Amino acid sequence: MNQTNLQTVSMHELYDTVYTVNPPLVEGLLYPGTYLFVGAPKLGKSFFMAQLAYHISTGVPLWDYPVSKGEVLYLALEDDHRRLQKRLFQMFGTDNADNLHFAVAAKSVGNGLYEQLDDFIKQHSDTRLIIIDTLQKIRELSNDGASYGGDYEVISKLKDFAGQHGICLILVHHTRKARGGDKFDMISGTNGLLGAADGAFLLQKQQRTSNEATLDISGRDQQDQRINLIRNPEKLLWEFVDAETELWKDPPDPVLAAVAGIISAETPQWSGTPTELADKIGVDIKANTLSMRLNVNAARLQNEYGIIYENSRNHTGRQIKLLLGDTTDTATIKLWRKLCKTINRLSDQSV
């Protein structure tokens, strides 16, 4: 095939494919992808990052938001080990996490950073989150200064890296003094930064001396929202006050509920053809329509019901596999899908 040809996919092929879905790191707040976390200097961004990193590395809910546990790498590039030690002890006391890792120095984009991060992920296969504090510390020096193209390119490269590894990458950045019509126009640099990122968090105070702040969130995988926070003056932890936006939820889907109904602790897995599944759930739906509907809603079946879904084809035709499991464990999901592919390959070879 000519590699210069435009690679296309049909609408039918889209519907016929089950795309790999990684669970949210913080349900309703943070998903796999590349995000900017911005705020004025010395506002408490690094404390927020340490708090987020701790909760994900321990699996403890952040406020009332469920958390998916995993390894975390925090590049605290404006700190040293002594400052980190003091900050973390003030925030968490003697509580600690073995799978929360820190580095105070790293190479830049295009000059060894990707190799360093890739090596870390190879050694820590359950890595879910990498925090880079700050973006400016890992940017390549440019002769043309800040430009839309340059900003877009650096985020795009980091986004590609995060996508290849299925992780979340947070880039801590500063705001500028000038205010625009959109609050996210305060992000220092050009619109290329936000344009390439999957989303952004904006931490603001009305008064610098106040402990009260707002956290505005905008992203591709979640609706815009605003959360009001207050900073604990002793531990310097950010505490939840209220959310000004109520998160929208998908309406109930009777087909997904029926599929989930055949999986339980007593019957943790099921496999068969789409026709067999349609008959088993007792819903009036055509087999090909059911297969297509589950392909599109695989993430919802996983997040709402804890069921890992696989749809593949072998010599006998289309096969659906369902597994009840810990869907916050990406290793379990990868192992299950690898096992399904192996079974299909062995089945084909036996013909």
Protein backbone atom coordinates (compact mmCIF):
# COMPACT_ATOMS: atom_id res chain seq x y z
CA MET A 1 0.00 0.00 0.00
CA ASN A 2 1.21 3.48 -0.88
CA GLN A 3 1.91 5.14 2.48
CA THR A 4 1.28 8.56 0.92
CA ASN A 5 -2.36 7.71 0.23
CA LEU A 6 -4.99 9.22 2.50
CA GLN A 7 -6.01 6.61 5.07
CA THR A 8 -9.80 6.60 5.46
CA VAL A 9 -12.37 4.66 7.44
CA SER A 10 -16.00 4.21 6.49
CA MET A 11 -18.95 4.91 8.77
CA HIS A 12 -19.70 1.18 8.73
CA GLU A 13 -16.13 0.38 9.81
CA LEU A 14 -16.40 2.90 12.65
CA TYR A 15 -19.57 1.24 13.94
CA ASP A 16 -18.03 -2.21 13.50
CA THR A 17 -15.03 -1.43 15.71
CA VAL A 18 -14.67 -1.59 19.49
CA TYR A 19 -12.21 1.12 20.46
CA THR A 20 -10.02 0.65 23.51
CA VAL A 21 -11.36 2.66 26.42
CA ASN A 22 -9.39 3.58 29.52
CA PRO A 23 -11.43 4.51 32.61
CA PRO A 24 -11.43 8.09 33.92
CA LEU A 25 -8.74 8.91 36.46
CA VAL A 26 -11.19 11.03 38.45
CA GLU A 27 -14.78 10.38 37.41
CA GLY A 28 -16.38 13.53 36.07
CA LEU A 29 -13.15 15.53 36.29
CA LEU A 30 -10.13 13.93 34.64
CA TYR A 31 -9.77 11.48 31.75
CA PRO A 32 -6.88 10.01 29.75
CA GLY A 33 -5.48 12.69 27.45
CA THR A 34 -3.42 15.87 27.65
CA TYR A 35 -4.56 18.75 29.85
CA LEU A 36 -3.33 22.19 30.80
CA PHE A 37 -3.56 23.19 34.46
CA VAL A 38 -3.17 26.95 34.62
CA GLY A 39 -3.18 29.66 37.25
CA ALA A 40 -1.27 32.70 38.41
CA PRO A 41 2.20 32.17 39.89
CA LYS A 42 2.35 31.15 43.58
CA LEU A 43 -1.40 30.47 43.67
CA GLY A 44 -1.22 26.88 44.91
CA LYS A 45 -1.07 24.95 41.61
CA SER A 46 1.74 22.69 42.78
CA PHE A 47 -0.13 21.89 45.98
CA PHE A 48 -3.17 20.96 43.92
CA MET A 49 -1.02 18.76 41.68
CA ALA A 50 0.50 17.00 44.69
CA GLN A 51 -2.98 16.44 46.09
CA LEU A 52 -4.26 15.02 42.80
CA ALA A 53 -1.18 12.81 42.39
CA TYR A 54 -1.57 11.43 45.93
CA HIS A 55 -5.25 10.56 45.46
CA ILE A 56 -4.70 8.77 42.15
CA SER A 57 -1.68 6.87 43.47
CA THR A 58 -3.68 5.69 46.51
CA GLY A 59 -7.10 5.31 44.88
CA VAL A 60 -8.69 7.43 47.63
CA PRO A 61 -11.62 9.51 46.29
CA LEU A 62 -10.83 13.16 45.60
CA TRP A 63 -13.55 14.93 47.59
CA ASP A 64 -16.60 12.88 46.52
CA TYR A 65 -15.26 12.01 43.07
CA PRO A 66 -14.31 8.33 42.55
CA VAL A 67 -10.67 7.77 41.59
CA SER A 68 -9.03 5.08 39.46
CA LYS A 69 -5.83 3.98 41.18
CA GLY A 70 -2.54 3.83 39.30
CA GLU A 71 1.13 4.79 39.23
CA VAL A 72 1.90 8.51 39.05
CA LEU A 73 5.01 10.37 37.92
CA TYR A 74 5.31 13.99 39.04
CA LEU A 75 8.03 16.08 37.37
CA ALA A 76 8.39 18.87 39.94
CA LEU A 77 10.84 20.84 37.84
CA GLU A 78 10.68 24.07 39.86
CA ASP A 79 11.35 22.32 43.18
CA ASP A 80 14.07 20.37 44.94
CA HIS A 81 13.80 17.25 47.09
CA ARG A 82 13.89 19.16 50.37
CA ARG A 83 11.02 21.43 49.35
CA LEU A 84 9.01 18.46 48.11
CA GLN A 85 9.58 16.59 51.37
CA LYS A 86 8.40 19.55 53.44
CA ARG A 87 5.34 20.17 51.25
CA LEU A 88 4.19 16.57 51.21
CA PHE A 89 4.65 16.10 54.95
CA GLN A 90 2.65 19.26 55.63
CA MET A 91 -0.16 18.02 53.38
CA PHE A 92 -0.32 14.30 54.21
CA GLY A 93 1.69 13.77 57.37
CA THR A 94 3.05 10.22 57.64
CA ASP A 95 0.67 8.87 54.98
CA ASN A 96 2.59 7.98 51.85
CA ALA A 97 2.36 6.03 48.59
CA ASP A 98 4.93 3.71 47.04
CA ASN A 99 3.57 4.25 43.53
CA LEU A 100 3.87 8.06 43.55
CA HIS A 101 7.22 9.01 42.02
CA PHE A 102 8.96 12.39 41.74
CA ALA A 103 11.73 13.88 39.63
CA VAL A 104 13.13 17.40 39.93
CA ALA A 105 15.00 17.40 36.61
CA ALA A 106 14.14 16.18 33.13
CA LYS A 107 15.20 16.71 29.55
CA SER A 108 13.21 18.83 27.10
CA VAL A 109 10.79 17.96 24.32
CA GLY A 110 12.80 16.75 21.35
CA ASN A 111 15.93 16.40 23.45
CA GLY A 112 15.39 13.15 25.37
CA LEU A 113 12.20 13.76 27.37
CA TYR A 114 10.13 11.19 25.50
CA GLU A 115 12.82 8.58 25.97
CA GLN A 116 12.92 9.30 29.72
CA LEU A 117 9.13 9.06 30.05
CA ASP A 118 8.96 5.96 27.87
CA ASP A 119 11.59 4.25 30.02
CA PHE A 120 9.65 5.10 33.18
CA ILE A 121 6.42 3.65 31.75
CA LYS A 122 8.23 0.46 30.73
CA GLN A 123 9.39 0.06 34.32
CA HIS A 124 5.98 1.03 35.75
CA SER A 125 3.36 -0.57 33.50
CA ASP A 126 0.43 0.69 35.60
CA THR A 127 1.30 4.36 35.01
CA ARG A 128 -1.93 6.36 34.70
CA LEU A 129 -0.79 9.96 35.19
CA ILE A 130 2.28 12.07 34.43
CA ILE A 131 2.40 15.67 35.71
CA ILE A 132 4.88 18.12 34.21
CA ASP A 133 5.30 21.17 36.44
CA THR A 134 5.90 23.37 34.51
CA LEU A 135 5.40 23.23 30.72
CA GLN A 136 7.99 25.96 30.20
CA LYS A 137 10.69 23.79 31.78
CA ILE A 138 10.46 21.12 29.07
CA ARG A 139 9.87 23.32 26.02
CA GLU A 140 12.49 23.61 23.32
CA LEU A 141 13.92 27.07 22.80
CA SER A 142 12.48 28.68 19.68
CA ASN A 143 14.01 31.43 17.59
CA ASP A 144 10.62 32.84 16.62
CA GLY A 145 9.36 33.15 20.18
CA ALA A 146 5.76 32.22 21.01
CA SER A 147 3.69 31.42 17.94
CA TYR A 148 0.41 29.61 17.39
CA GLY A 149 2.18 26.96 15.31
CA GLY A 150 4.91 26.46 17.89
CA ASP A 151 2.44 26.22 20.77
CA TYR A 152 0.19 23.83 18.85
CA GLU A 153 3.12 21.63 17.85
CA VAL A 154 4.56 21.15 21.33
CA ILE A 155 1.16 20.17 22.80
CA SER A 156 0.42 17.93 19.83
CA LYS A 157 3.68 16.01 20.36
CA LEU A 158 2.93 15.53 24.05
CA LYS A 159 -0.64 14.55 23.21
CA ASP A 160 0.59 11.91 20.76
CA PHE A 161 2.83 10.48 23.47
CA ALA A 162 -0.04 10.33 25.98
CA GLY A 163 -2.31 8.71 23.40
CA GLN A 164 0.23 6.05 22.48
CA HIS A 165 0.50 4.99 26.12
CA GLY A 166 -3.15 5.51 27.10
CA ILE A 167 -2.26 7.82 30.00
CA CYS A 168 -3.20 11.26 31.27
CA LEU A 169 -0.63 14.03 30.94
CA ILE A 170 -1.09 17.28 32.88
CA LEU A 171 1.00 20.32 31.95
CA VAL A 172 1.17 23.01 34.62
CA HIS A 173 1.27 26.49 33.10
CA HIS A 174 0.79 30.14 34.02
CA THR A 175 -1.88 32.69 33.19
CA ARG A 176 -1.17 36.14 31.84
CA LYS A 177 -2.35 39.41 33.36
CA ALA A 178 -4.50 40.50 30.43
CA ARG A 179 -8.07 39.19 30.58
CA GLY A 180 -9.94 38.20 27.44
CA GLY A 181 -13.61 37.63 26.69
CA ASP A 182 -13.22 33.94 27.50
CA LYS A 183 -11.67 33.08 30.88
CA PHE A 184 -9.43 30.51 29.16
CA ASP A 185 -7.96 33.34 27.07
CA MET A 186 -5.93 34.05 30.21
CA ILE A 187 -3.66 31.08 29.42
CA SER A 188 -0.19 32.45 28.77
CA GLY A 189 0.85 31.99 25.15
CA THR A 190 -1.28 31.61 22.04
CA ASN A 191 -4.57 29.76 21.53
CA GLY A 192 -2.50 26.96 20.04
CA LEU A 193 -1.91 25.55 23.54
CA LEU A 194 -5.59 25.06 24.35
CA GLY A 195 -6.44 24.24 20.73
CA ALA A 196 -4.22 21.16 20.74
CA ALA A 197 -4.93 20.04 24.32
CA ASP A 198 -7.82 17.77 25.30
CA GLY A 199 -8.86 20.22 27.99
CA ALA A 200 -7.83 22.73 30.61
CA PHE A 201 -8.23 23.54 34.30
CA LEU A 202 -8.12 27.17 35.39
CA LEU A 203 -7.49 27.90 39.07
CA GLN A 204 -8.32 31.47 40.14
CA LYS A 205 -8.68 33.59 43.26
CA GLN A 206 -10.64 36.81 43.46
CA GLN A 207 -8.06 38.06 45.98
CA ARG A 208 -4.55 36.65 46.28
CA THR A 209 -4.70 36.76 50.10
CA SER A 210 -7.94 34.75 50.17
CA ASN A 211 -8.11 30.99 50.67
CA GLU A 212 -11.15 30.76 48.39
CA ALA A 213 -10.74 29.85 44.72
CA THR A 214 -12.65 28.66 41.69
CA LEU A 215 -11.64 25.80 39.43
CA ASP A 216 -13.02 26.07 35.89
CA ILE A 217 -12.86 22.93 33.76
CA SER A 218 -13.27 22.59 30.01
CA GLY A 219 -12.51 19.52 27.93
CA ARG A 220 -13.43 17.27 25.03
CA ASP A 221 -14.51 14.36 27.23
CA GLN A 222 -16.44 16.29 29.87
CA GLN A 223 -18.82 19.20 30.07
CA ASP A 224 -17.71 22.65 31.18
CA GLN A 225 -18.04 23.12 34.90
CA ARG A 226 -16.98 25.30 37.80
CA ILE A 227 -16.05 24.08 41.28
CA ASN A 228 -15.64 26.32 44.31
CA LEU A 229 -12.74 25.43 46.59
CA ILE A 230 -11.20 26.61 49.83
CA ARG A 231 -7.64 26.02 50.96
CA ASN A 232 -7.04 24.49 54.38
CA PRO A 233 -4.72 27.03 56.08
CA GLU A 234 -2.88 24.33 58.07
CA LYS A 235 -2.40 21.45 55.63
CA LEU A 236 -2.73 23.64 52.54
CA LEU A 237 -5.00 21.03 50.94
CA TRP A 238 -7.71 22.22 48.57
CA GLU A 239 -11.14 21.36 49.98
CA PHE A 240 -14.40 21.09 48.07
CA VAL A 241 -17.11 23.69 48.77
CA ASP A 242 -19.64 23.13 46.00
CA ALA A 243 -20.04 22.67 42.26
CA GLU A 244 -21.91 25.31 40.30
CA THR A 245 -22.62 22.88 37.46
CA GLU A 246 -24.54 19.64 37.83
CA LEU A 247 -22.99 16.95 35.66
CA TRP A 248 -25.22 15.65 32.89
CA LYS A 249 -25.73 11.89 32.80
CA ASP A 250 -26.83 9.67 29.96
CA PRO A 251 -30.44 8.48 30.32
CA PRO A 252 -30.93 4.81 31.20
CA ASP A 253 -30.39 2.39 28.31
CA PRO A 254 -32.59 -0.73 28.65
CA VAL A 255 -30.42 -2.71 26.23
CA LEU A 256 -27.24 -2.10 28.23
CA ALA A 257 -29.11 -2.91 31.44
CA ALA A 258 -30.37 -6.17 29.94
CA VAL A 259 -26.86 -7.16 28.81
CA ALA A 260 -25.48 -6.31 32.25
CA GLY A 261 -28.23 -8.44 33.79
CA ILE A 262 -26.76 -11.68 32.46
CA ILE A 263 -23.39 -11.04 34.13
CA SER A 264 -22.94 -11.46 37.89
CA ALA A 265 -20.52 -12.77 40.49
CA GLU A 266 -22.00 -16.24 39.91
CA THR A 267 -21.75 -15.87 36.13
CA PRO A 268 -18.78 -13.52 35.64
CA GLN A 269 -18.36 -14.11 31.91
CA TRP A 270 -20.32 -14.94 28.80
CA SER A 271 -19.44 -15.57 25.16
CA GLY A 272 -21.48 -16.26 22.06
CA THR A 273 -22.76 -14.80 18.83
CA PRO A 274 -24.77 -11.56 18.62
CA THR A 275 -27.84 -13.66 17.77
CA GLU A 276 -27.37 -15.78 20.89
CA LEU A 277 -26.94 -12.66 23.01
CA ALA A 278 -30.06 -11.04 21.55
CA ASP A 279 -32.05 -14.19 22.41
CA LYS A 280 -30.58 -14.39 25.91
CA ILE A 281 -31.34 -10.82 26.99
CA GLY A 282 -34.94 -11.08 25.77
CA VAL A 283 -35.00 -7.66 24.10
CA ASP A 284 -36.62 -7.17 20.71
CA ILE A 285 -33.54 -6.11 18.76
CA LYS A 286 -31.80 -7.43 15.66
CA ALA A 287 -28.44 -9.13 16.21
CA ASN A 288 -26.47 -6.75 13.98
CA THR A 289 -28.12 -3.74 15.61
CA LEU A 290 -27.26 -5.11 19.06
CA SER A 291 -23.65 -5.67 18.06
CA MET A 292 -23.34 -2.17 16.66
CA ARG A 293 -25.00 -0.62 19.72
CA LEU A 294 -22.64 -2.39 22.10
CA ASN A 295 -19.61 -1.42 20.01
CA VAL A 296 -20.53 2.25 20.32
CA ASN A 297 -21.37 1.97 24.04
CA ALA A 298 -18.46 -0.23 25.18
CA ALA A 299 -17.15 2.56 27.42
CA ARG A 300 -20.52 3.03 29.07
CA LEU A 301 -20.94 -0.70 29.66
CA GLN A 302 -17.50 -0.69 31.27
CA ASN A 303 -17.90 2.45 33.40
CA GLU A 304 -21.50 1.99 34.55
CA TYR A 305 -21.71 -1.78 34.95
CA GLY A 306 -18.10 -2.89 35.35
CA ILE A 307 -18.31 -5.16 32.32
CA ILE A 308 -15.45 -5.45 29.83
CA TYR A 309 -16.77 -6.02 26.31
CA GLU A 310 -15.03 -7.60 23.33
CA ASN A 311 -16.41 -8.09 19.83
CA SER A 312 -14.32 -9.99 17.29
CA ARG A 313 -14.64 -12.15 14.22
CA ASN A 314 -13.24 -15.65 13.60
CA HIS A 315 -13.96 -18.51 11.19
CA THR A 316 -17.35 -19.15 12.83
CA GLY A 317 -18.45 -15.55 12.51
CA ARG A 318 -18.91 -12.68 14.93
CA GLN A 319 -18.20 -13.47 18.60
CA ILE A 320 -19.10 -11.34 21.62
CA LYS A 321 -17.34 -11.78 24.96
CA LEU A 322 -18.37 -10.18 28.27
CA LEU A 323 -16.33 -10.18 31.47
CA LEU A 324 -17.16 -8.89 34.94
CA GLY A 325 -13.98 -7.38 36.32
CA ASP A 326 -12.19 -4.45 37.89
CA THR A 327 -12.55 -1.99 35.02
CA THR A 328 -10.35 0.54 36.81
CA ASP A 329 -7.48 -1.91 36.37
CA THR A 330 -6.12 -1.24 32.90
CA ALA A 331 -3.84 -4.27 33.17
CA THR A 332 -6.92 -6.52 33.56
CA ILE A 333 -8.54 -4.97 30.50
CA LYS A 334 -5.42 -5.38 28.37
CA LEU A 335 -4.94 -8.99 29.52
CA TRP A 336 -8.57 -9.85 28.79
CA ARG A 337 -8.46 -8.41 25.27
CA LYS A 338 -5.13 -10.11 24.57
CA LEU A 339 -6.63 -13.41 25.75
CA CYS A 340 -9.66 -12.93 23.48
CA LYS A 341 -7.42 -12.35 20.47
CA THR A 342 -5.34 -15.42 21.32
CA ILE A 343 -8.45 -17.60 21.59
CA ASN A 344 -9.72 -16.35 18.23
CA ARG A 345 -6.33 -16.98 16.58
CA LEU A 346 -6.11 -20.52 17.96
CA SER A 347 -9.68 -21.17 16.87
CA ASP A 348 -8.87 -20.07 13.33
CA GLN A 349 -5.74 -22.26 13.24
CA SER A 350 -7.74 -25.31 14.28
CA VAL A 351 -9.89 -25.13 11.14
